[in-house]
N, C-alpha and C. Protein backbone atom coordinates (compact mmCIF):
# COMPACT_ATOMS: atom_id res chain seq x y z
N UNK A 1 89.42 81.94 -75.22
CA UNK A 1 89.25 80.76 -75.65
C UNK A 1 90.70 79.34 -76.03
N UNK A 2 91.20 79.33 -74.59
CA UNK A 2 92.18 78.59 -74.20
C UNK A 2 91.21 77.48 -73.67
N UNK A 3 90.08 77.81 -73.65
CA UNK A 3 88.83 76.36 -73.53
C UNK A 3 88.53 75.81 -74.16
N UNK A 4 88.66 76.37 -75.62
CA UNK A 4 88.62 75.50 -76.95
C UNK A 4 89.36 74.48 -77.79
N UNK A 5 89.28 73.69 -77.72
CA UNK A 5 90.10 72.65 -78.35
C UNK A 5 89.86 72.73 -79.50
N UNK A 6 90.94 72.98 -80.73
CA UNK A 6 90.29 72.95 -81.94
C UNK A 6 89.85 74.34 -82.84
N UNK A 7 89.10 74.43 -83.67
CA UNK A 7 88.56 75.49 -84.24
C UNK A 7 89.58 76.77 -84.22
N UNK A 8 90.93 76.40 -84.58
CA UNK A 8 92.26 77.48 -84.93
C UNK A 8 91.74 78.27 -85.69
N UNK A 9 90.55 77.75 -87.28
CA UNK A 9 90.82 79.19 -88.04
C UNK A 9 89.95 80.30 -87.61
N UNK A 10 88.94 79.26 -86.44
CA UNK A 10 87.98 80.79 -86.27
C UNK A 10 88.40 81.56 -85.35
N UNK A 11 89.14 80.43 -84.28
CA UNK A 11 89.81 81.12 -83.08
C UNK A 11 90.84 82.36 -83.41
N UNK A 12 91.99 82.31 -84.50
CA UNK A 12 92.51 82.86 -84.82
C UNK A 12 91.57 84.13 -85.34
N UNK A 13 90.89 83.66 -86.31
CA UNK A 13 89.94 85.23 -87.23
C UNK A 13 89.67 86.10 -85.78
N UNK A 14 89.03 85.47 -84.81
CA UNK A 14 88.48 86.48 -83.64
C UNK A 14 89.58 87.31 -82.76
N UNK A 15 90.84 86.37 -83.00
CA UNK A 15 91.54 86.98 -82.26
C UNK A 15 92.11 88.49 -83.00
N UNK A 16 92.39 88.31 -83.83
CA UNK A 16 92.72 89.18 -85.35
C UNK A 16 91.83 90.23 -85.07
N UNK A 17 90.43 90.52 -84.56
CA UNK A 17 89.40 91.57 -83.97
C UNK A 17 88.96 91.79 -82.93
N UNK A 18 89.95 91.43 -82.26
CA UNK A 18 89.34 91.01 -80.83
C UNK A 18 89.99 93.02 -80.24
N UNK A 19 90.11 93.77 -80.65
CA UNK A 19 90.36 95.15 -80.91
C UNK A 19 89.65 95.58 -81.39
N UNK A 20 88.72 95.69 -82.16
CA UNK A 20 87.75 96.15 -83.53
C UNK A 20 86.77 97.11 -82.61
N UNK A 21 86.49 97.31 -81.66
CA UNK A 21 85.76 97.45 -81.21
C UNK A 21 86.38 98.78 -80.11
N UNK A 22 87.96 98.70 -79.91
CA UNK A 22 88.60 100.34 -79.29
C UNK A 22 88.33 101.26 -79.59
N UNK A 23 88.54 102.54 -78.86
CA UNK A 23 88.10 103.37 -79.75
C UNK A 23 89.34 104.25 -80.40
N UNK A 24 90.91 103.25 -80.30
CA UNK A 24 91.50 103.56 -81.02
C UNK A 24 91.53 102.90 -83.08
N UNK A 25 90.78 101.73 -82.58
CA UNK A 25 90.17 101.43 -83.77
C UNK A 25 89.22 102.37 -84.79
N UNK A 26 88.15 102.43 -83.89
CA UNK A 26 87.71 103.95 -84.44
C UNK A 26 88.13 105.09 -84.80
N UNK A 27 89.11 105.69 -84.29
CA UNK A 27 89.60 106.74 -84.73
C UNK A 27 90.41 106.20 -85.68
N UNK A 28 91.24 105.38 -86.06
CA UNK A 28 91.94 104.69 -86.96
C UNK A 28 91.06 104.60 -88.47
N UNK A 29 89.85 105.15 -88.10
CA UNK A 29 88.79 104.42 -89.23
C UNK A 29 88.80 102.88 -89.35
N UNK A 30 88.68 101.82 -88.77
CA UNK A 30 88.26 100.28 -89.64
C UNK A 30 86.99 100.52 -89.54
N UNK A 31 86.72 99.55 -90.31
CA UNK A 31 85.39 99.16 -90.21
C UNK A 31 84.79 98.54 -89.04
N UNK A 32 84.06 98.19 -88.46
CA UNK A 32 82.89 98.04 -87.11
C UNK A 32 82.63 95.98 -87.84
N UNK A 33 83.20 95.08 -87.22
CA UNK A 33 83.10 93.73 -88.42
C UNK A 33 81.11 93.03 -87.19
N UNK A 34 80.97 93.23 -88.12
CA UNK A 34 79.43 92.53 -88.25
C UNK A 34 78.76 91.40 -87.27
N UNK A 35 79.46 90.55 -87.82
CA UNK A 35 79.60 89.20 -87.31
C UNK A 35 80.39 88.10 -88.06
N UNK A 36 79.67 86.69 -87.45
CA UNK A 36 80.18 85.37 -88.06
C UNK A 36 79.10 84.64 -87.82
N UNK A 37 78.90 83.59 -89.44
CA UNK A 37 77.97 82.43 -89.03
C UNK A 37 78.56 81.48 -88.68
N UNK A 38 78.61 80.09 -87.47
CA UNK A 38 79.04 79.06 -88.05
C UNK A 38 78.07 78.48 -88.05
N UNK A 39 78.54 77.22 -89.04
CA UNK A 39 77.39 76.39 -88.90
C UNK A 39 78.26 75.00 -88.98
N UNK A 40 77.37 73.82 -88.65
CA UNK A 40 78.38 73.04 -88.52
C UNK A 40 77.42 71.59 -87.91
N UNK A 41 77.61 70.68 -87.39
CA UNK A 41 77.46 69.70 -86.59
C UNK A 41 76.94 69.77 -85.09
N UNK A 42 76.07 69.14 -84.09
CA UNK A 42 76.04 69.60 -83.32
C UNK A 42 77.22 69.05 -82.37
N UNK A 43 76.98 69.60 -80.97
CA UNK A 43 78.19 69.41 -80.15
C UNK A 43 79.59 69.50 -80.38
N UNK A 44 79.79 70.58 -81.39
CA UNK A 44 81.25 70.88 -82.09
C UNK A 44 82.23 72.43 -81.71
N UNK A 45 81.28 72.05 -80.78
CA UNK A 45 81.63 73.93 -80.52
C UNK A 45 81.37 75.14 -80.16
N UNK A 46 80.08 75.20 -81.04
CA UNK A 46 79.61 75.95 -81.59
C UNK A 46 78.92 77.14 -80.63
N UNK A 47 78.58 76.65 -79.62
CA UNK A 47 78.09 77.64 -78.57
C UNK A 47 79.21 78.15 -78.22
N UNK A 48 80.10 77.30 -77.91
CA UNK A 48 81.22 77.52 -76.25
C UNK A 48 81.98 78.64 -77.52
N UNK A 49 82.52 78.47 -78.75
CA UNK A 49 82.71 79.24 -79.26
C UNK A 49 82.27 81.16 -79.14
N UNK A 50 80.92 80.97 -79.44
CA UNK A 50 80.15 82.10 -79.22
C UNK A 50 80.30 82.95 -77.92
N UNK A 51 80.21 81.71 -76.98
CA UNK A 51 80.48 82.64 -75.92
C UNK A 51 81.91 83.40 -75.49
N UNK A 52 82.92 82.59 -75.72
CA UNK A 52 84.31 82.99 -75.55
C UNK A 52 84.91 84.33 -76.69
N UNK A 53 84.15 84.01 -77.79
CA UNK A 53 83.85 85.57 -78.23
C UNK A 53 83.75 86.97 -77.66
N UNK A 54 82.69 87.09 -76.93
CA UNK A 54 82.40 88.18 -75.97
C UNK A 54 83.41 88.39 -74.89
N UNK A 55 84.19 87.23 -74.24
CA UNK A 55 85.58 87.48 -73.69
C UNK A 55 86.44 88.01 -74.11
N UNK A 56 86.94 87.54 -75.39
CA UNK A 56 87.83 87.67 -75.81
C UNK A 56 87.69 89.65 -76.43
N UNK A 57 86.89 89.43 -76.86
CA UNK A 57 86.36 91.12 -77.19
C UNK A 57 86.20 91.86 -75.87
N UNK A 58 85.81 91.21 -74.74
CA UNK A 58 85.89 92.24 -73.91
C UNK A 58 84.70 93.32 -73.55
N UNK A 59 83.84 92.44 -73.77
CA UNK A 59 82.37 92.64 -74.31
C UNK A 59 81.46 91.79 -73.42
N UNK A 60 79.95 92.87 -73.38
CA UNK A 60 79.40 91.93 -72.77
C UNK A 60 78.68 90.82 -73.66
N UNK A 61 77.87 89.90 -73.06
CA UNK A 61 77.20 88.62 -74.15
C UNK A 61 75.46 89.00 -74.18
N UNK A 62 75.24 88.85 -75.31
CA UNK A 62 73.61 89.26 -74.56
C UNK A 62 73.42 87.64 -75.53
N UNK A 63 72.05 86.85 -75.08
CA UNK A 63 71.68 85.61 -76.65
C UNK A 63 70.26 86.13 -76.18
N UNK A 64 70.10 86.17 -77.87
CA UNK A 64 68.51 86.40 -78.76
C UNK A 64 67.97 85.25 -78.57
N UNK A 65 66.93 85.13 -77.44
CA UNK A 65 66.25 83.48 -77.54
C UNK A 65 64.90 84.42 -78.62
N UNK A 66 65.06 83.13 -79.63
CA UNK A 66 64.02 83.39 -80.53
C UNK A 66 62.87 83.12 -79.87
N UNK A 67 62.38 82.17 -79.02
CA UNK A 67 61.33 81.77 -78.67
C UNK A 67 61.10 82.59 -78.21
N UNK A 68 61.16 83.68 -77.42
CA UNK A 68 61.02 84.60 -76.53
C UNK A 68 60.45 85.78 -77.10
N UNK A 69 60.15 85.93 -78.82
CA UNK A 69 60.12 87.03 -79.54
C UNK A 69 58.36 86.89 -80.44
N UNK A 70 58.01 85.27 -80.22
CA UNK A 70 57.14 84.85 -81.09
C UNK A 70 55.99 85.08 -80.28
N UNK A 71 55.13 86.56 -80.18
CA UNK A 71 53.72 86.66 -79.66
C UNK A 71 52.68 85.95 -80.59
N UNK A 72 51.14 86.51 -80.10
CA UNK A 72 50.13 85.88 -80.78
C UNK A 72 49.40 87.09 -80.78
N UNK A 73 49.75 88.09 -80.65
CA UNK A 73 49.17 89.41 -81.13
C UNK A 73 49.70 89.76 -82.04
N UNK A 74 48.96 90.72 -82.92
CA UNK A 74 49.51 90.81 -84.43
C UNK A 74 50.23 92.24 -84.40
N UNK A 75 51.84 91.88 -84.42
CA UNK A 75 52.54 93.45 -84.68
C UNK A 75 53.48 93.21 -83.49
N UNK A 76 53.02 91.86 -82.48
CA UNK A 76 53.85 92.26 -81.42
C UNK A 76 55.10 91.65 -81.45
N UNK A 77 55.50 90.46 -82.41
CA UNK A 77 56.91 89.95 -82.60
C UNK A 77 57.83 90.73 -82.80
N UNK A 78 57.36 91.70 -83.86
CA UNK A 78 58.07 92.44 -84.60
C UNK A 78 58.45 93.56 -83.70
N UNK A 79 57.31 94.21 -82.78
CA UNK A 79 57.94 95.23 -81.31
C UNK A 79 59.04 94.20 -80.69
N UNK A 80 58.65 93.15 -80.19
CA UNK A 80 59.74 92.01 -79.92
C UNK A 80 61.34 92.18 -80.34
N UNK A 81 61.15 92.12 -81.29
CA UNK A 81 62.46 92.14 -82.01
C UNK A 81 62.97 93.15 -81.98
N UNK A 82 62.33 94.61 -82.16
CA UNK A 82 62.76 95.75 -81.99
C UNK A 82 63.30 96.26 -80.50
N UNK A 83 62.51 95.39 -79.90
CA UNK A 83 62.73 96.20 -78.55
C UNK A 83 64.47 95.12 -77.98
N UNK A 84 64.45 93.77 -78.91
CA UNK A 84 65.58 93.42 -78.58
C UNK A 84 66.68 93.65 -79.13
N UNK A 85 66.79 94.33 -80.34
CA UNK A 85 68.00 94.90 -80.82
C UNK A 85 68.14 96.50 -80.73
N UNK A 86 67.22 97.10 -79.78
CA UNK A 86 67.00 98.25 -79.25
C UNK A 86 68.15 98.52 -78.25
N UNK A 87 68.36 96.79 -77.77
CA UNK A 87 68.25 96.68 -76.19
C UNK A 87 70.06 96.06 -76.55
N UNK A 88 70.46 95.92 -77.87
CA UNK A 88 71.74 95.09 -78.08
C UNK A 88 72.62 96.52 -78.11
N UNK A 89 71.63 97.35 -78.94
CA UNK A 89 72.69 98.60 -79.57
C UNK A 89 72.52 99.74 -78.35
N UNK A 90 71.94 99.74 -77.11
CA UNK A 90 72.02 100.35 -76.08
C UNK A 90 73.30 99.57 -75.16
N UNK A 91 73.50 98.44 -75.52
CA UNK A 91 74.45 98.11 -74.87
C UNK A 91 75.81 97.90 -75.06
N UNK A 92 75.80 98.32 -76.64
CA UNK A 92 76.88 98.23 -77.32
C UNK A 92 77.67 98.72 -77.02
N UNK A 93 79.12 98.30 -77.12
CA UNK A 93 79.56 97.36 -77.72
C UNK A 93 79.13 96.17 -77.41
N UNK A 94 79.00 94.98 -77.79
CA UNK A 94 78.35 93.53 -77.35
C UNK A 94 78.44 92.48 -78.43
N UNK A 95 78.55 91.14 -78.05
CA UNK A 95 78.57 90.47 -78.89
C UNK A 95 76.79 89.86 -78.49
N UNK A 96 76.00 89.86 -79.50
CA UNK A 96 74.61 89.21 -79.91
C UNK A 96 74.72 87.96 -80.38
N UNK A 97 74.42 86.20 -79.48
CA UNK A 97 74.34 85.17 -79.70
C UNK A 97 73.20 85.45 -80.29
N UNK A 98 72.78 84.29 -81.40
CA UNK A 98 71.64 83.78 -82.22
C UNK A 98 71.66 82.11 -82.03
N UNK A 99 71.31 81.03 -81.45
CA UNK A 99 71.62 80.01 -81.41
C UNK A 99 70.84 79.25 -82.01
N UNK A 100 71.67 78.08 -82.55
CA UNK A 100 70.57 77.37 -83.76
C UNK A 100 69.65 77.87 -84.05
N UNK A 101 70.05 79.51 -84.84
CA UNK A 101 69.28 80.15 -85.96
C UNK A 101 68.02 79.67 -86.95
N UNK A 102 68.66 78.46 -87.22
CA UNK A 102 67.80 77.73 -88.13
C UNK A 102 66.04 77.34 -87.81
N UNK A 103 66.47 77.23 -86.76
CA UNK A 103 64.97 76.88 -86.01
C UNK A 103 64.15 78.07 -85.76
N UNK A 104 64.80 79.56 -85.12
CA UNK A 104 64.11 80.92 -84.86
C UNK A 104 63.70 81.28 -86.48
N UNK A 105 64.00 80.75 -87.59
CA UNK A 105 63.90 81.22 -88.87
C UNK A 105 63.03 79.99 -89.62
N UNK A 106 62.64 79.14 -88.93
CA UNK A 106 61.91 78.14 -89.84
C UNK A 106 61.08 78.43 -90.20
N UNK A 107 59.97 79.35 -90.15
CA UNK A 107 58.82 79.87 -90.85
C UNK A 107 58.99 80.34 -91.42
N UNK A 108 60.11 81.36 -92.34
CA UNK A 108 60.42 83.04 -92.72
C UNK A 108 59.75 82.57 -94.18
N UNK A 109 60.28 80.89 -95.03
CA UNK A 109 59.68 81.19 -96.37
C UNK A 109 58.67 80.51 -96.13
N UNK A 110 57.12 80.82 -95.86
CA UNK A 110 56.15 79.79 -95.84
C UNK A 110 55.20 80.78 -96.44
N UNK A 111 55.87 81.95 -96.42
CA UNK A 111 54.63 82.60 -97.76
C UNK A 111 53.55 83.07 -96.56
N UNK A 112 53.46 83.11 -95.15
CA UNK A 112 52.50 83.10 -94.52
C UNK A 112 51.37 82.36 -94.57
N UNK A 113 52.01 81.39 -94.71
CA UNK A 113 50.77 80.14 -95.28
C UNK A 113 50.90 79.63 -94.07
N UNK A 114 51.58 79.29 -92.45
CA UNK A 114 51.32 78.91 -91.05
C UNK A 114 51.31 79.70 -90.15
N UNK A 115 51.55 80.93 -90.96
CA UNK A 115 51.50 81.64 -89.47
C UNK A 115 51.08 83.56 -89.80
N UNK A 116 50.58 83.96 -90.55
CA UNK A 116 50.36 84.83 -90.98
C UNK A 116 50.99 85.52 -91.81
N UNK A 117 52.32 85.73 -92.04
CA UNK A 117 53.55 86.67 -92.59
C UNK A 117 54.29 86.66 -91.05
N UNK A 118 54.30 86.23 -89.57
CA UNK A 118 54.69 86.55 -89.04
C UNK A 118 56.37 86.56 -89.08
N UNK A 119 56.76 85.26 -89.63
CA UNK A 119 58.23 84.88 -88.94
C UNK A 119 58.78 85.50 -90.57
N UNK A 120 58.12 85.95 -91.42
CA UNK A 120 58.83 86.54 -92.94
C UNK A 120 59.30 87.85 -92.52
N UNK A 121 58.43 88.18 -91.63
CA UNK A 121 58.43 89.66 -91.61
C UNK A 121 59.25 90.09 -90.26
N UNK A 122 59.23 88.95 -89.40
CA UNK A 122 60.43 89.58 -88.59
C UNK A 122 61.67 88.52 -88.82
N UNK A 123 61.61 87.81 -89.65
CA UNK A 123 63.06 87.73 -90.37
C UNK A 123 63.58 88.98 -91.45
N UNK A 124 62.79 89.57 -92.37
CA UNK A 124 63.26 90.59 -92.79
C UNK A 124 63.52 91.47 -91.93
N UNK A 125 62.67 92.22 -90.78
CA UNK A 125 63.48 93.06 -89.69
C UNK A 125 64.33 92.69 -89.54
N UNK A 126 65.10 91.46 -89.15
CA UNK A 126 66.39 91.24 -88.48
C UNK A 126 67.48 91.43 -89.82
N UNK A 127 67.12 91.23 -90.96
CA UNK A 127 67.78 91.06 -91.88
C UNK A 127 68.04 92.63 -92.14
N UNK A 128 67.26 93.32 -92.65
CA UNK A 128 67.91 94.92 -92.57
C UNK A 128 68.36 95.30 -91.63
N UNK A 129 68.04 95.02 -90.36
CA UNK A 129 68.71 95.41 -89.63
C UNK A 129 70.56 94.98 -89.36
N UNK A 130 70.50 93.68 -89.76
CA UNK A 130 72.05 93.17 -89.81
C UNK A 130 72.72 93.82 -90.87
N UNK A 131 71.93 93.98 -91.61
CA UNK A 131 72.60 94.67 -93.48
C UNK A 131 73.16 95.67 -92.90
N UNK A 132 71.94 96.91 -92.46
CA UNK A 132 72.30 98.48 -91.59
C UNK A 132 72.65 98.66 -90.93
N UNK A 133 73.14 98.06 -89.95
CA UNK A 133 73.93 98.51 -88.75
C UNK A 133 75.14 98.98 -88.46
N UNK A 134 75.63 99.70 -89.12
CA UNK A 134 76.89 100.78 -89.78
C UNK A 134 77.36 101.15 -88.19
N UNK A 135 76.82 101.98 -87.76
CA UNK A 135 77.19 102.54 -86.20
C UNK A 135 77.62 102.10 -85.32
N UNK A 136 76.50 100.94 -85.01
CA UNK A 136 76.65 100.53 -83.78
C UNK A 136 77.29 99.03 -83.69
N UNK A 137 78.38 99.42 -82.46
CA UNK A 137 79.43 97.92 -82.24
C UNK A 137 78.19 96.85 -82.10
N UNK A 138 77.68 96.13 -82.48
CA UNK A 138 77.16 95.08 -81.68
C UNK A 138 77.45 94.37 -82.97
N UNK A 139 78.06 92.61 -82.49
CA UNK A 139 78.72 91.71 -83.17
C UNK A 139 77.88 90.31 -83.32
N UNK A 140 77.67 90.26 -83.97
CA UNK A 140 76.34 88.95 -84.11
C UNK A 140 77.03 87.97 -84.50
N UNK A 141 76.70 86.70 -83.36
CA UNK A 141 77.42 85.41 -84.02
C UNK A 141 76.15 84.31 -84.11
N UNK A 142 75.63 83.97 -84.94
CA UNK A 142 74.56 83.05 -85.33
C UNK A 142 75.21 81.83 -85.16
N UNK A 143 74.53 80.58 -84.69
CA UNK A 143 75.05 79.12 -85.03
C UNK A 143 73.94 78.25 -85.82
N UNK A 144 74.19 77.54 -86.64
CA UNK A 144 73.52 76.93 -87.09
C UNK A 144 73.85 75.39 -87.02
N UNK A 145 72.84 74.42 -87.16
CA UNK A 145 73.08 72.59 -87.19
C UNK A 145 73.10 72.38 -88.62
N UNK A 146 72.21 73.52 -89.26
CA UNK A 146 71.87 72.48 -90.53
C UNK A 146 71.56 74.11 -91.59
N UNK A 147 72.42 73.80 -92.61
CA UNK A 147 72.75 74.78 -93.37
C UNK A 147 71.50 74.67 -94.55
N UNK A 148 70.69 73.66 -94.58
CA UNK A 148 69.58 73.54 -95.97
C UNK A 148 68.77 74.48 -94.72
N UNK A 149 68.27 74.31 -93.70
CA UNK A 149 67.53 74.96 -93.35
C UNK A 149 67.06 76.52 -93.21
N UNK A 150 68.59 77.52 -93.64
CA UNK A 150 68.79 78.88 -93.38
C UNK A 150 67.80 79.50 -94.77
N UNK A 151 67.38 80.37 -94.74
CA UNK A 151 66.96 80.66 -95.52
C UNK A 151 67.67 81.88 -96.60
N UNK A 152 68.08 81.41 -98.06
CA UNK A 152 69.11 81.98 -99.08
C UNK A 152 69.28 83.42 -98.89
N UNK A 153 68.46 84.29 -98.15
CA UNK A 153 68.84 85.73 -98.01
C UNK A 153 70.07 85.67 -96.47
N UNK A 154 70.06 84.56 -95.84
CA UNK A 154 71.00 84.66 -94.81
C UNK A 154 72.15 84.78 -95.19
N UNK A 155 72.54 83.91 -95.67
CA UNK A 155 73.90 83.92 -96.44
C UNK A 155 74.02 84.55 -97.16
N UNK A 156 73.80 85.85 -97.92
CA UNK A 156 74.05 86.74 -98.90
C UNK A 156 75.59 87.32 -98.37
N UNK A 157 76.38 87.36 -99.17
CA UNK A 157 77.50 88.46 -98.65
C UNK A 157 77.20 89.87 -97.94
N UNK A 158 77.72 90.25 -97.34
CA UNK A 158 77.34 91.19 -96.33
C UNK A 158 76.27 91.03 -95.12
N UNK A 159 75.87 89.85 -95.02
CA UNK A 159 75.14 90.08 -93.72
C UNK A 159 75.68 89.38 -92.62
N UNK A 160 77.02 89.18 -92.54
CA UNK A 160 77.83 88.33 -91.65
C UNK A 160 79.46 88.68 -92.28
N UNK A 161 80.36 88.95 -91.59
CA UNK A 161 82.04 89.57 -92.45
C UNK A 161 82.64 87.86 -92.49
N UNK A 162 82.02 86.70 -92.03
CA UNK A 162 82.51 85.33 -92.40
C UNK A 162 81.56 84.56 -92.13
N UNK A 163 81.49 83.26 -93.01
CA UNK A 163 81.19 82.02 -92.02
C UNK A 163 82.09 80.86 -92.20
N UNK A 164 81.74 80.05 -90.91
CA UNK A 164 82.81 79.27 -90.58
C UNK A 164 82.15 77.88 -90.54
N UNK A 165 82.34 76.47 -90.80
CA UNK A 165 82.06 75.75 -91.20
C UNK A 165 82.56 74.61 -89.80
N UNK A 166 81.98 74.33 -88.63
CA UNK A 166 82.69 72.96 -87.88
C UNK A 166 82.71 71.56 -88.03
N UNK A 167 83.26 71.17 -88.19
CA UNK A 167 83.12 69.64 -88.50
C UNK A 167 83.58 68.66 -86.78
N UNK A 168 83.32 67.57 -87.09
CA UNK A 168 84.24 66.50 -86.01
C UNK A 168 85.45 67.38 -85.83
N UNK A 169 86.14 66.95 -84.99
CA UNK A 169 87.81 67.55 -84.70
C UNK A 169 88.25 65.78 -84.78
N UNK A 170 89.44 66.46 -85.93
CA UNK A 170 90.16 65.47 -85.90
C UNK A 170 91.44 65.24 -85.13
N UNK A 171 91.88 64.42 -85.06
CA UNK A 171 92.56 63.95 -84.03
C UNK A 171 93.71 64.63 -83.18
N UNK A 172 94.28 65.83 -84.20
CA UNK A 172 95.04 66.71 -83.05
C UNK A 172 94.03 67.32 -82.27
N UNK A 173 92.92 67.42 -82.69
CA UNK A 173 91.97 68.84 -82.37
C UNK A 173 91.30 67.64 -81.25
N UNK A 174 90.90 66.43 -81.15
CA UNK A 174 90.69 65.37 -80.07
C UNK A 174 91.57 65.72 -78.90
N UNK A 175 92.93 65.66 -79.43
CA UNK A 175 93.64 65.54 -78.17
C UNK A 175 94.09 66.58 -77.51
N UNK A 176 93.95 67.80 -77.97
CA UNK A 176 93.71 69.41 -77.42
C UNK A 176 92.73 69.44 -76.60
N UNK A 177 91.60 68.73 -77.40
CA UNK A 177 90.26 68.92 -76.34
C UNK A 177 90.31 68.29 -74.73
N UNK A 178 90.97 66.97 -74.99
CA UNK A 178 91.19 66.04 -73.57
C UNK A 178 92.06 66.46 -73.11
N UNK A 179 93.42 67.28 -73.65
CA UNK A 179 94.32 67.93 -72.98
C UNK A 179 93.67 69.17 -71.84
N UNK A 180 92.62 70.01 -72.82
CA UNK A 180 91.96 70.62 -71.73
C UNK A 180 91.21 70.41 -70.97
N UNK A 181 90.64 69.42 -71.29
CA UNK A 181 89.58 68.54 -70.38
C UNK A 181 90.09 67.48 -69.53
N UNK A 182 90.46 66.73 -69.83
CA UNK A 182 90.99 65.51 -68.91
C UNK A 182 92.44 65.16 -68.68
N UNK A 183 93.17 65.44 -68.88
CA UNK A 183 94.88 65.66 -69.33
C UNK A 183 95.50 65.31 -68.12
N UNK A 184 94.92 65.98 -66.93
CA UNK A 184 95.95 65.52 -65.69
C UNK A 184 95.60 63.71 -64.75
N UNK A 185 94.74 63.24 -65.63
CA UNK A 185 93.82 61.75 -65.01
C UNK A 185 94.38 60.29 -66.23
N UNK A 186 94.65 61.57 -67.33
CA UNK A 186 94.63 60.42 -68.25
C UNK A 186 95.10 60.39 -69.37
N UNK A 187 96.02 59.47 -70.48
CA UNK A 187 97.09 59.67 -71.33
C UNK A 187 95.94 60.15 -72.64
N UNK A 188 96.03 61.48 -72.78
CA UNK A 188 95.43 61.84 -73.60
C UNK A 188 95.60 61.26 -75.19
N UNK A 189 97.33 61.18 -75.38
CA UNK A 189 97.18 60.56 -77.04
C UNK A 189 96.44 58.80 -77.03
N UNK A 190 96.50 58.57 -76.57
CA UNK A 190 95.60 57.17 -76.28
C UNK A 190 94.14 56.99 -76.36
N UNK A 191 93.67 58.42 -75.32
CA UNK A 191 92.04 59.16 -75.90
C UNK A 191 91.93 59.48 -77.04
N UNK A 192 92.89 59.94 -77.56
CA UNK A 192 92.34 60.73 -79.03
C UNK A 192 92.39 59.35 -80.24
N UNK A 193 93.17 58.29 -79.74
CA UNK A 193 93.28 57.56 -81.01
C UNK A 193 92.01 56.80 -80.77
N UNK A 194 91.71 55.89 -79.96
CA UNK A 194 90.40 55.51 -78.83
C UNK A 194 89.43 56.25 -79.68
N UNK A 195 89.42 57.35 -79.93
CA UNK A 195 87.91 58.17 -80.39
C UNK A 195 87.75 58.04 -81.93
N UNK A 196 88.87 57.46 -82.57
CA UNK A 196 88.75 57.81 -84.03
C UNK A 196 87.43 57.32 -84.46
N UNK A 197 86.54 58.50 -85.37
CA UNK A 197 85.47 58.67 -85.52
C UNK A 197 84.27 59.47 -84.91
């Protein structure tokens, strides 16, 4: 998390849950966290935060490549998704990262008019797994650039523990970013002022 400038609310939320997958947390009876959906503008640190989360939790990071799920044969896409989710559960505890989830789910609301309903079935299977994965410690981080392209079912309470919006960094956040990236060679206060907007 030290390599991320800004995003303090998200970082704080994640750090408070860093021991959530520990045996002590299970013995105590704490509920397993499901995951987070991070929405925001491109280039604002969503993917970096997803990668850092696995490090904070001390678990492996798996990236779900939606492009690799979809196949031309009937039923193969659904089988591919099941295989991915079974792998995540077998590796658990882990972080499962879905980058730009709105692109992966873009055909889910087409009512079968574009792909014979494959996207809708894959999306339905994913939603069901996301809702029902009670016993498996798989923390899902989904990132999205365009909330308007997300199916409303994904945003329903209970799918994720929390939703975060990531905007362009303010002056203090830009200064923190500069401090991380180039503080040894440049005056970060001046850089922060010069990058307004």
